[in-house]
Amino acid sequence: MTRKEWEAISTARDILGLGEAATRAEIKRAYHRLSKKYHPDTSGDKTEKKESDIMYKITAAHDLLMRYCDQFRFPLQANERDDYDVEDWWMDRFGQDPLWGKQKK
């Protein structure tokens, strides 16, 4: 991803008031919250031109972040690393260590 694309994503994130990481659901909630506040039909403010401009920015930010999220491929099958339970993971890494491994009696 280019610097320009990252800057656009950062700007979109700021417009929607999101943190450094967000789920799709959080993006949608932020969009809906701001839409209720700034949409010219529901805001009740007489400055419809200003509200309309803000709404265009909110919509563009939402659309950009959703397109960004749509580009990711998520694993739909467990891989070998996901099969560990906590004790197996610990023993695999530290089981041979005299302090952390199983103690001989």
PDB file of N, CA and C in Angstrom:
ATOM      1  N   MET A   1       0.846  -1.162   0.000  1.00  0.00           N
ATOM      2  CA  MET A   1       0.000   0.000   0.000  1.00  0.00           C
ATOM      3  C   MET A   1       0.901   1.237   0.000  1.00  0.00           C
ATOM      4  N   THR A   2       0.530   2.224  -0.775  1.00  0.00           N
ATOM      5  CA  THR A   2       1.352   3.425  -0.886  1.00  0.00           C
ATOM      6  C   THR A   2       1.102   4.383   0.272  1.00  0.00           C
ATOM      7  N   ARG A   3       2.013   5.332   0.416  1.00  0.00           N
ATOM      8  CA  ARG A   3       1.872   6.338   1.473  1.00  0.00           C
ATOM      9  C   ARG A   3       0.594   7.149   1.281  1.00  0.00           C
ATOM     10  N   LYS A   4       0.286   7.460   0.037  1.00  0.00           N
ATOM     11  CA  LYS A   4      -0.928   8.240  -0.261  1.00  0.00           C
ATOM     12  C   LYS A   4      -2.182   7.475   0.165  1.00  0.00           C
ATOM     13  N   GLU A   5      -2.207   6.168  -0.084  1.00  0.00           N
ATOM     14  CA  GLU A   5      -3.351   5.347   0.317  1.00  0.00           C
ATOM     15  C   GLU A   5      -3.461   5.274   1.840  1.00  0.00           C
ATOM     16  N   TRP A   6      -2.325   5.141   2.528  1.00  0.00           N
ATOM     17  CA  TRP A   6      -2.360   5.118   3.991  1.00  0.00           C
ATOM     18  C   TRP A   6      -2.835   6.448   4.550  1.00  0.00           C
ATOM     19  N   GLU A   7      -2.433   7.543   3.922  1.00  0.00           N
ATOM     20  CA  GLU A   7      -2.898   8.864   4.369  1.00  0.00           C
ATOM     21  C   GLU A   7      -4.403   8.994   4.195  1.00  0.00           C
ATOM     22  N   ALA A   8      -4.938   8.478   3.093  1.00  0.00           N
ATOM     23  CA  ALA A   8      -6.385   8.510   2.864  1.00  0.00           C
ATOM     24  C   ALA A   8      -7.116   7.681   3.923  1.00  0.00           C
ATOM     25  N   ILE A   9      -6.561   6.528   4.267  1.00  0.00           N
ATOM     26  CA  ILE A   9      -7.173   5.690   5.291  1.00  0.00           C
ATOM     27  C   ILE A   9      -7.107   6.377   6.649  1.00  0.00           C
ATOM     28  N   SER A  10      -5.991   7.013   6.949  1.00  0.00           N
ATOM     29  CA  SER A  10      -5.851   7.737   8.211  1.00  0.00           C
ATOM     30  C   SER A  10      -6.844   8.892   8.299  1.00  0.00           C
ATOM     31  N   THR A  11      -7.025   9.604   7.204  1.00  0.00           N
ATOM     32  CA  THR A  11      -7.997  10.697   7.167  1.00  0.00           C
ATOM     33  C   THR A  11      -9.411  10.164   7.373  1.00  0.00           C
ATOM     34  N   ALA A  12      -9.731   9.069   6.713  1.00  0.00           N
ATOM     35  CA  ALA A  12     -11.057   8.451   6.862  1.00  0.00           C
ATOM     36  C   ALA A  12     -11.286   8.015   8.304  1.00  0.00           C
ATOM     37  N   ARG A  13     -10.259   7.444   8.906  1.00  0.00           N
ATOM     38  CA  ARG A  13     -10.337   7.006  10.304  1.00  0.00           C
ATOM     39  C   ARG A  13     -10.611   8.196  11.218  1.00  0.00           C
ATOM     40  N   ASP A  14      -9.932   9.311  10.966  1.00  0.00           N
ATOM     41  CA  ASP A  14     -10.136  10.520  11.769  1.00  0.00           C
ATOM     42  C   ASP A  14     -11.539  11.088  11.583  1.00  0.00           C
ATOM     43  N   ILE A  15     -12.024  11.081  10.351  1.00  0.00           N
ATOM     44  CA  ILE A  15     -13.368  11.606  10.077  1.00  0.00           C
ATOM     45  C   ILE A  15     -14.416  10.823  10.856  1.00  0.00           C
ATOM     46  N   LEU A  16     -14.257   9.506  10.894  1.00  0.00           N
ATOM     47  CA  LEU A  16     -15.229   8.670  11.594  1.00  0.00           C
ATOM     48  C   LEU A  16     -14.946   8.565  13.090  1.00  0.00           C
ATOM     49  N   GLY A  17     -13.836   9.135  13.533  1.00  0.00           N
ATOM     50  CA  GLY A  17     -13.528   9.116  14.955  1.00  0.00           C
ATOM     51  C   GLY A  17     -13.138   7.748  15.475  1.00  0.00           C
ATOM     52  N   LEU A  18     -12.407   6.988  14.669  1.00  0.00           N
ATOM     53  CA  LEU A  18     -12.005   5.634  15.036  1.00  0.00           C
ATOM     54  C   LEU A  18     -10.585   5.620  15.574  1.00  0.00           C
ATOM     55  N   GLY A  19     -10.248   4.580  16.316  1.00  0.00           N
ATOM     56  CA  GLY A  19      -8.900   4.407  16.827  1.00  0.00           C
ATOM     57  C   GLY A  19      -7.990   3.834  15.758  1.00  0.00           C
ATOM     58  N   GLU A  20      -6.832   3.337  16.194  1.00  0.00           N
ATOM     59  CA  GLU A  20      -5.857   2.793  15.249  1.00  0.00           C
ATOM     60  C   GLU A  20      -6.299   1.474  14.629  1.00  0.00           C
ATOM     61  N   ALA A  21      -7.203   0.773  15.282  1.00  0.00           N
ATOM     62  CA  ALA A  21      -7.740  -0.481  14.759  1.00  0.00           C
ATOM     63  C   ALA A  21      -9.248  -0.476  14.988  1.00  0.00           C
ATOM     64  N   ALA A  22      -9.978  -1.043  14.042  1.00  0.00           N
ATOM     65  CA  ALA A  22     -11.438  -1.082  14.162  1.00  0.00           C
ATOM     66  C   ALA A  22     -11.977  -2.285  13.412  1.00  0.00           C
ATOM     67  N   THR A  23     -13.068  -2.813  13.900  1.00  0.00           N
ATOM     68  CA  THR A  23     -13.751  -3.893  13.202  1.00  0.00           C
ATOM     69  C   THR A  23     -14.719  -3.275  12.190  1.00  0.00           C
ATOM     70  N   ARG A  24     -15.219  -4.114  11.298  1.00  0.00           N
ATOM     71  CA  ARG A  24     -16.224  -3.627  10.349  1.00  0.00           C
ATOM     72  C   ARG A  24     -17.444  -3.097  11.098  1.00  0.00           C
ATOM     73  N   ALA A  25     -17.821  -3.777  12.169  1.00  0.00           N
ATOM     74  CA  ALA A  25     -18.984  -3.351  12.952  1.00  0.00           C
ATOM     75  C   ALA A  25     -18.744  -1.980  13.574  1.00  0.00           C
ATOM     76  N   GLU A  26     -17.537  -1.729  14.064  1.00  0.00           N
ATOM     77  CA  GLU A  26     -17.229  -0.419  14.643  1.00  0.00           C
ATOM     78  C   GLU A  26     -17.263   0.678  13.589  1.00  0.00           C
ATOM     79  N   ILE A  27     -16.790   0.370  12.406  1.00  0.00           N
ATOM     80  CA  ILE A  27     -16.833   1.342  11.307  1.00  0.00           C
ATOM     81  C   ILE A  27     -18.285   1.679  10.974  1.00  0.00           C
ATOM     82  N   LYS A  28     -19.118   0.651  10.881  1.00  0.00           N
ATOM     83  CA  LYS A  28     -20.537   0.871  10.569  1.00  0.00           C
ATOM     84  C   LYS A  28     -21.238   1.663  11.659  1.00  0.00           C
ATOM     85  N   ARG A  29     -20.947   1.348  12.927  1.00  0.00           N
ATOM     86  CA  ARG A  29     -21.569   2.089  14.030  1.00  0.00           C
ATOM     87  C   ARG A  29     -21.170   3.557  14.004  1.00  0.00           C
ATOM     88  N   ALA A  30     -19.900   3.830  13.728  1.00  0.00           N
ATOM     89  CA  ALA A  30     -19.432   5.219  13.659  1.00  0.00           C
ATOM     90  C   ALA A  30     -20.136   5.947  12.515  1.00  0.00           C
ATOM     91  N   TYR A  31     -20.260   5.272  11.377  1.00  0.00           N
ATOM     92  CA  TYR A  31     -20.942   5.869  10.220  1.00  0.00           C
ATOM     93  C   TYR A  31     -22.397   6.186  10.560  1.00  0.00           C
ATOM     94  N   HIS A  32     -23.099   5.250  11.169  1.00  0.00           N
ATOM     95  CA  HIS A  32     -24.508   5.465  11.509  1.00  0.00           C
ATOM     96  C   HIS A  32     -24.678   6.573  12.544  1.00  0.00           C
ATOM     97  N   ARG A  33     -23.781   6.592  13.537  1.00  0.00           N
ATOM     98  CA  ARG A  33     -23.838   7.628  14.568  1.00  0.00           C
ATOM     99  C   ARG A  33     -23.665   9.019  13.945  1.00  0.00           C
ATOM    100  N   LEU A  34     -22.671   9.152  13.069  1.00  0.00           N
ATOM    101  CA  LEU A  34     -22.420  10.452  12.435  1.00  0.00           C
ATOM    102  C   LEU A  34     -23.496  10.801  11.408  1.00  0.00           C
ATOM    103  N   SER A  35     -24.046   9.790  10.752  1.00  0.00           N
ATOM    104  CA  SER A  35     -25.122  10.035   9.786  1.00  0.00           C
ATOM    105  C   SER A  35     -26.349  10.619  10.481  1.00  0.00           C
ATOM    106  N   LYS A  36     -26.677  10.083  11.642  1.00  0.00           N
ATOM    107  CA  LYS A  36     -27.823  10.611  12.395  1.00  0.00           C
ATOM    108  C   LYS A  36     -27.583  12.050  12.814  1.00  0.00           C
ATOM    109  N   LYS A  37     -26.335  12.367  13.098  1.00  0.00           N
ATOM    110  CA  LYS A  37     -26.005  13.706  13.560  1.00  0.00           C
ATOM    111  C   LYS A  37     -25.937  14.722  12.420  1.00  0.00           C
ATOM    112  N   TYR A  38     -25.374  14.322  11.267  1.00  0.00           N
ATOM    113  CA  TYR A  38     -25.073  15.286  10.209  1.00  0.00           C
ATOM    114  C   TYR A  38     -25.916  15.179   8.943  1.00  0.00           C
ATOM    115  N   HIS A  39     -26.739  14.159   8.813  1.00  0.00           N
ATOM    116  CA  HIS A  39     -27.528  14.048   7.584  1.00  0.00           C
ATOM    117  C   HIS A  39     -28.472  15.248   7.474  1.00  0.00           C
ATOM    118  N   PRO A  40     -28.525  15.908   6.328  1.00  0.00           N
ATOM    119  CA  PRO A  40     -29.348  17.114   6.178  1.00  0.00           C
ATOM    120  C   PRO A  40     -30.832  16.887   6.463  1.00  0.00           C
ATOM    121  N   ASP A  41     -31.337  15.691   6.224  1.00  0.00           N
ATOM    122  CA  ASP A  41     -32.758  15.426   6.445  1.00  0.00           C
ATOM    123  C   ASP A  41     -33.097  15.216   7.922  1.00  0.00           C
ATOM    124  N   THR A  42     -32.114  14.837   8.727  1.00  0.00           N
ATOM    125  CA  THR A  42     -32.411  14.536  10.120  1.00  0.00           C
ATOM    126  C   THR A  42     -31.753  15.478  11.119  1.00  0.00           C
ATOM    127  N   SER A  43     -30.834  16.301  10.673  1.00  0.00           N
ATOM    128  CA  SER A  43     -30.098  17.139  11.617  1.00  0.00           C
ATOM    129  C   SER A  43     -30.926  18.293  12.156  1.00  0.00           C
ATOM    130  N   GLY A  44     -31.899  18.765  11.400  1.00  0.00           N
ATOM    131  CA  GLY A  44     -32.727  19.869  11.851  1.00  0.00           C
ATOM    132  C   GLY A  44     -32.053  21.225  11.721  1.00  0.00           C
ATOM    133  N   ASP A  45     -30.802  21.243  11.270  1.00  0.00           N
ATOM    134  CA  ASP A  45     -30.072  22.489  11.110  1.00  0.00           C
ATOM    135  C   ASP A  45     -30.432  23.112   9.762  1.00  0.00           C
ATOM    136  N   LYS A  46     -30.473  24.414   9.725  1.00  0.00           N
ATOM    137  CA  LYS A  46     -30.834  25.114   8.492  1.00  0.00           C
ATOM    138  C   LYS A  46     -29.642  25.284   7.548  1.00  0.00           C
ATOM    139  N   THR A  47     -28.467  24.933   7.961  1.00  0.00           N
ATOM    140  CA  THR A  47     -27.286  25.043   7.101  1.00  0.00           C
ATOM    141  C   THR A  47     -27.104  23.739   6.331  1.00  0.00           C
ATOM    142  N   GLU A  48     -28.058  23.437   5.465  1.00  0.00           N
ATOM    143  CA  GLU A  48     -28.056  22.162   4.754  1.00  0.00           C
ATOM    144  C   GLU A  48     -26.843  21.983   3.864  1.00  0.00           C
ATOM    145  N   LYS A  49     -26.309  23.042   3.279  1.00  0.00           N
ATOM    146  CA  LYS A  49     -25.142  22.927   2.409  1.00  0.00           C
ATOM    147  C   LYS A  49     -23.951  22.420   3.216  1.00  0.00           C
ATOM    148  N   LYS A  50     -23.744  23.004   4.397  1.00  0.00           N
ATOM    149  CA  LYS A  50     -22.645  22.575   5.250  1.00  0.00           C
ATOM    150  C   LYS A  50     -22.856  21.127   5.707  1.00  0.00           C
ATOM    151  N   GLU A  51     -24.063  20.794   6.132  1.00  0.00           N
ATOM    152  CA  GLU A  51     -24.376  19.427   6.565  1.00  0.00           C
ATOM    153  C   GLU A  51     -24.175  18.440   5.415  1.00  0.00           C
ATOM    154  N   SER A  52     -24.569  18.843   4.222  1.00  0.00           N
ATOM    155  CA  SER A  52     -24.426  17.983   3.053  1.00  0.00           C
ATOM    156  C   SER A  52     -22.951  17.707   2.760  1.00  0.00           C
ATOM    157  N   ASP A  53     -22.107  18.739   2.871  1.00  0.00           N
ATOM    158  CA  ASP A  53     -20.670  18.554   2.644  1.00  0.00           C
ATOM    159  C   ASP A  53     -20.067  17.606   3.673  1.00  0.00           C
ATOM    160  N   ILE A  54     -20.462  17.756   4.921  1.00  0.00           N
ATOM    161  CA  ILE A  54     -19.963  16.869   5.977  1.00  0.00           C
ATOM    162  C   ILE A  54     -20.429  15.448   5.718  1.00  0.00           C
ATOM    163  N   MET A  55     -21.672  15.293   5.303  1.00  0.00           N
ATOM    164  CA  MET A  55     -22.213  13.954   5.043  1.00  0.00           C
ATOM    165  C   MET A  55     -21.478  13.280   3.887  1.00  0.00           C
ATOM    166  N   TYR A  56     -21.108  14.048   2.861  1.00  0.00           N
ATOM    167  CA  TYR A  56     -20.333  13.477   1.757  1.00  0.00           C
ATOM    168  C   TYR A  56     -18.982  12.963   2.253  1.00  0.00           C
ATOM    169  N   LYS A  57     -18.326  13.708   3.141  1.00  0.00           N
ATOM    170  CA  LYS A  57     -17.040  13.276   3.685  1.00  0.00           C
ATOM    171  C   LYS A  57     -17.198  12.021   4.539  1.00  0.00           C
ATOM    172  N   ILE A  58     -18.253  11.977   5.338  1.00  0.00           N
ATOM    173  CA  ILE A  58     -18.510  10.807   6.187  1.00  0.00           C
ATOM    174  C   ILE A  58     -18.759   9.570   5.324  1.00  0.00           C
ATOM    175  N   THR A  59     -19.565   9.725   4.294  1.00  0.00           N
ATOM    176  CA  THR A  59     -19.876   8.601   3.406  1.00  0.00           C
ATOM    177  C   THR A  59     -18.634   8.135   2.654  1.00  0.00           C
ATOM    178  N   ALA A  60     -17.841   9.074   2.163  1.00  0.00           N
ATOM    179  CA  ALA A  60     -16.614   8.712   1.444  1.00  0.00           C
ATOM    180  C   ALA A  60     -15.645   7.983   2.375  1.00  0.00           C
ATOM    181  N   ALA A  61     -15.527   8.442   3.616  1.00  0.00           N
ATOM    182  CA  ALA A  61     -14.645   7.789   4.584  1.00  0.00           C
ATOM    183  C   ALA A  61     -15.119   6.365   4.864  1.00  0.00           C
ATOM    184  N   HIS A  62     -16.413   6.201   5.077  1.00  0.00           N
ATOM    185  CA  HIS A  62     -16.988   4.875   5.327  1.00  0.00           C
ATOM    186  C   HIS A  62     -16.728   3.946   4.150  1.00  0.00           C
ATOM    187  N   ASP A  63     -16.999   4.419   2.946  1.00  0.00           N
ATOM    188  CA  ASP A  63     -16.814   3.587   1.754  1.00  0.00           C
ATOM    189  C   ASP A  63     -15.358   3.181   1.564  1.00  0.00           C
ATOM    190  N   LEU A  64     -14.430   4.107   1.799  1.00  0.00           N
ATOM    191  CA  LEU A  64     -13.008   3.799   1.656  1.00  0.00           C
ATOM    192  C   LEU A  64     -12.583   2.726   2.655  1.00  0.00           C
ATOM    193  N   LEU A  65     -12.985   2.861   3.905  1.00  0.00           N
ATOM    194  CA  LEU A  65     -12.604   1.874   4.919  1.00  0.00           C
ATOM    195  C   LEU A  65     -13.241   0.513   4.659  1.00  0.00           C
ATOM    196  N   MET A  66     -14.460   0.500   4.156  1.00  0.00           N
ATOM    197  CA  MET A  66     -15.098  -0.782   3.827  1.00  0.00           C
ATOM    198  C   MET A  66     -14.394  -1.459   2.656  1.00  0.00           C
ATOM    199  N   ARG A  67     -13.988  -0.685   1.650  1.00  0.00           N
ATOM    200  CA  ARG A  67     -13.233  -1.275   0.532  1.00  0.00           C
ATOM    201  C   ARG A  67     -11.896  -1.822   1.028  1.00  0.00           C
ATOM    202  N   TYR A  68     -11.263  -1.099   1.940  1.00  0.00           N
ATOM    203  CA  TYR A  68     -10.003  -1.558   2.518  1.00  0.00           C
ATOM    204  C   TYR A  68     -10.208  -2.889   3.252  1.00  0.00           C
ATOM    205  N   CYS A  69     -11.257  -2.990   4.036  1.00  0.00           N
ATOM    206  CA  CYS A  69     -11.552  -4.229   4.766  1.00  0.00           C
ATOM    207  C   CYS A  69     -11.883  -5.378   3.821  1.00  0.00           C
ATOM    208  N   ASP A  70     -12.530  -5.078   2.717  1.00  0.00           N
ATOM    209  CA  ASP A  70     -12.928  -6.125   1.772  1.00  0.00           C
ATOM    210  C   ASP A  70     -11.742  -6.757   1.053  1.00  0.00           C
ATOM    211  N   GLN A  71     -10.576  -6.136   1.114  1.00  0.00           N
ATOM    212  CA  GLN A  71      -9.401  -6.659   0.419  1.00  0.00           C
ATOM    213  C   GLN A  71      -8.707  -7.774   1.197  1.00  0.00           C
ATOM    214  N   PHE A  72      -9.049  -7.960   2.464  1.00  0.00           N
ATOM    215  CA  PHE A  72      -8.366  -8.953   3.286  1.00  0.00           C
ATOM    216  C   PHE A  72      -8.964 -10.337   3.073  1.00  0.00           C
ATOM    217  N   ARG A  73      -8.095 -11.324   3.112  1.00  0.00           N
ATOM    218  CA  ARG A  73      -8.519 -12.716   3.081  1.00  0.00           C
ATOM    219  C   ARG A  73      -8.312 -13.271   4.479  1.00  0.00           C
ATOM    220  N   PHE A  74      -9.349 -13.864   5.005  1.00  0.00           N
ATOM    221  CA  PHE A  74      -9.300 -14.423   6.339  1.00  0.00           C
ATOM    222  C   PHE A  74      -9.229 -15.936   6.242  1.00  0.00           C
ATOM    223  N   PRO A  75      -8.407 -16.575   7.066  1.00  0.00           N
ATOM    224  CA  PRO A  75      -8.315 -18.037   7.005  1.00  0.00           C
ATOM    225  C   PRO A  75      -9.627 -18.677   7.441  1.00  0.00           C
ATOM    226  N   LEU A  76     -10.066 -19.645   6.681  1.00  0.00           N
ATOM    227  CA  LEU A  76     -11.298 -20.361   6.978  1.00  0.00           C
ATOM    228  C   LEU A  76     -11.012 -21.800   7.387  1.00  0.00           C
ATOM    229  N   GLN A  77      -9.746 -22.081   7.608  1.00  0.00           N
ATOM    230  CA  GLN A  77      -9.324 -23.409   8.012  1.00  0.00           C
ATOM    231  C   GLN A  77      -8.231 -23.231   9.062  1.00  0.00           C
ATOM    232  N   ALA A  78      -8.299 -24.020  10.120  1.00  0.00           N
ATOM    233  CA  ALA A  78      -7.295 -23.929  11.178  1.00  0.00           C
ATOM    234  C   ALA A  78      -5.948 -24.373  10.649  1.00  0.00           C
ATOM    235  N   ASN A  79      -4.912 -23.674  11.063  1.00  0.00           N
ATOM    236  CA  ASN A  79      -3.581 -24.127  10.692  1.00  0.00           C
ATOM    237  C   ASN A  79      -2.940 -24.803  11.889  1.00  0.00           C
ATOM    238  N   GLU A  80      -1.766 -25.319  11.700  1.00  0.00           N
ATOM    239  CA  GLU A  80      -1.101 -26.111  12.721  1.00  0.00           C
ATOM    240  C   GLU A  80      -0.899 -25.330  14.020  1.00  0.00           C
ATOM    241  N   ARG A  81      -0.600 -24.067  13.935  1.00  0.00           N
ATOM    242  CA  ARG A  81      -0.341 -23.256  15.127  1.00  0.00           C
ATOM    243  C   ARG A  81      -1.594 -23.028  15.962  1.00  0.00           C
ATOM    244  N   ASP A  82      -2.772 -23.148  15.388  1.00  0.00           N
ATOM    245  CA  ASP A  82      -4.012 -22.891  16.112  1.00  0.00           C
ATOM    246  C   ASP A  82      -4.483 -24.079  16.949  1.00  0.00           C
ATOM    247  N   ASP A  83      -3.812 -25.214  16.815  1.00  0.00           N
ATOM    248  CA  ASP A  83      -4.264 -26.426  17.488  1.00  0.00           C
ATOM    249  C   ASP A  83      -3.760 -26.557  18.918  1.00  0.00           C
ATOM    250  N   TYR A  84      -2.923 -25.662  19.369  1.00  0.00           N
ATOM    251  CA  TYR A  84      -2.374 -25.745  20.717  1.00  0.00           C
ATOM    252  C   TYR A  84      -3.396 -25.326  21.758  1.00  0.00           C
ATOM    253  N   ASP A  85      -3.434 -26.055  22.858  1.00  0.00           N
ATOM    254  CA  ASP A  85      -4.102 -25.487  24.014  1.00  0.00           C
ATOM    255  C   ASP A  85      -3.000 -24.796  24.822  1.00  0.00           C
ATOM    256  N   VAL A  86      -3.356 -24.102  25.855  1.00  0.00           N
ATOM    257  CA  VAL A  86      -2.397 -23.270  26.573  1.00  0.00           C
ATOM    258  C   VAL A  86      -1.237 -24.090  27.148  1.00  0.00           C
ATOM    259  N   GLU A  87      -1.540 -25.218  27.762  1.00  0.00           N
ATOM    260  CA  GLU A  87      -0.477 -26.029  28.359  1.00  0.00           C
ATOM    261  C   GLU A  87       0.461 -26.589  27.301  1.00  0.00           C
ATOM    262  N   ASP A  88      -0.093 -27.046  26.161  1.00  0.00           N
ATOM    263  CA  ASP A  88       0.759 -27.555  25.087  1.00  0.00           C
ATOM    264  C   ASP A  88       1.673 -26.463  24.547  1.00  0.00           C
ATOM    265  N   TRP A  89       1.135 -25.280  24.378  1.00  0.00           N
ATOM    266  CA  TRP A  89       1.928 -24.160  23.875  1.00  0.00           C
ATOM    267  C   TRP A  89       3.086 -23.882  24.827  1.00  0.00           C
ATOM    268  N   TRP A  90       2.784 -23.818  26.125  1.00  0.00           N
ATOM    269  CA  TRP A  90       3.806 -23.534  27.131  1.00  0.00           C
ATOM    270  C   TRP A  90       4.877 -24.626  27.145  1.00  0.00           C
ATOM    271  N   MET A  91       4.453 -25.871  27.156  1.00  0.00           N
ATOM    272  CA  MET A  91       5.403 -26.981  27.222  1.00  0.00           C
ATOM    273  C   MET A  91       6.248 -27.063  25.953  1.00  0.00           C
ATOM    274  N   ASP A  92       5.680 -26.753  24.816  1.00  0.00           N
ATOM    275  CA  ASP A  92       6.418 -26.775  23.565  1.00  0.00           C
ATOM    276  C   ASP A  92       7.568 -25.772  23.598  1.00  0.00           C
ATOM    277  N   ARG A  93       7.361 -24.646  24.217  1.00  0.00           N
ATOM    278  CA  ARG A  93       8.373 -23.598  24.246  1.00  0.00           C
ATOM    279  C   ARG A  93       9.328 -23.707  25.438  1.00  0.00           C
ATOM    280  N   PHE A  94       8.810 -24.112  26.602  1.00  0.00           N
ATOM    281  CA  PHE A  94       9.611 -24.060  27.822  1.00  0.00           C
ATOM    282  C   PHE A  94       9.715 -25.399  28.542  1.00  0.00           C
ATOM    283  N   GLY A  95       9.218 -26.459  27.948  1.00  0.00           N
ATOM    284  CA  GLY A  95       9.177 -27.755  28.624  1.00  0.00           C
ATOM    285  C   GLY A  95      10.539 -28.313  28.970  1.00  0.00           C
ATOM    286  N   GLN A  96      11.569 -27.980  28.210  1.00  0.00           N
ATOM    287  CA  GLN A  96      12.917 -28.486  28.467  1.00  0.00           C
ATOM    288  C   GLN A  96      13.675 -27.629  29.468  1.00  0.00           C
ATOM    289  N   ASP A  97      13.151 -26.471  29.782  1.00  0.00           N
ATOM    290  CA  ASP A  97      13.810 -25.557  30.715  1.00  0.00           C
ATOM    291  C   ASP A  97      13.685 -26.112  32.138  1.00  0.00           C
ATOM    292  N   PRO A  98      14.788 -26.185  32.889  1.00  0.00           N
ATOM    293  CA  PRO A  98      14.707 -26.758  34.240  1.00  0.00           C
ATOM    294  C   PRO A  98      13.822 -25.951  35.191  1.00  0.00           C
ATOM    295  N   LEU A  99      13.695 -24.656  34.970  1.00  0.00           N
ATOM    296  CA  LEU A  99      12.842 -23.855  35.851  1.00  0.00           C
ATOM    297  C   LEU A  99      11.364 -23.972  35.504  1.00  0.00           C
ATOM    298  N   TRP A 100      11.041 -23.978  34.218  1.00  0.00           N
ATOM    299  CA  TRP A 100       9.646 -23.907  33.789  1.00  0.00           C
ATOM    300  C   TRP A 100       9.080 -25.241  33.347  1.00  0.00           C
ATOM    301  N   GLY A 101       9.913 -26.169  32.996  1.00  0.00           N
ATOM    302  CA  GLY A 101       9.433 -27.452  32.506  1.00  0.00           C
ATOM    303  C   GLY A 101       8.940 -28.344  33.633  1.00  0.00           C
ATOM    304  N   LYS A 102       8.524 -29.532  33.274  1.00  0.00           N
ATOM    305  CA  LYS A 102       8.044 -30.484  34.280  1.00  0.00           C
ATOM    306  C   LYS A 102       9.231 -30.898  35.164  1.00  0.00           C
ATOM    307  N   GLN A 103       8.992 -30.912  36.420  1.00  0.00           N
ATOM    308  CA  GLN A 103      10.028 -31.249  37.386  1.00  0.00           C
ATOM    309  C   GLN A 103      10.122 -32.770  37.518  1.00  0.00           C
ATOM    310  N   LYS A 104      11.356 -33.285  37.552  1.00  0.00           N
ATOM    311  CA  LYS A 104      11.561 -34.707  37.783  1.00  0.00           C
ATOM    312  C   LYS A 104      11.531 -34.947  39.278  1.00  0.00           C
ATOM    313  N   LYS A 105      10.873 -36.001  39.655  1.00  0.00           N
ATOM    314  CA  LYS A 105      10.768 -36.329  41.075  1.00  0.00           C
ATOM    315  C   LYS A 105      11.671 -37.441  41.446  1.00  0.00           C
TER     316      LYS A 105
END
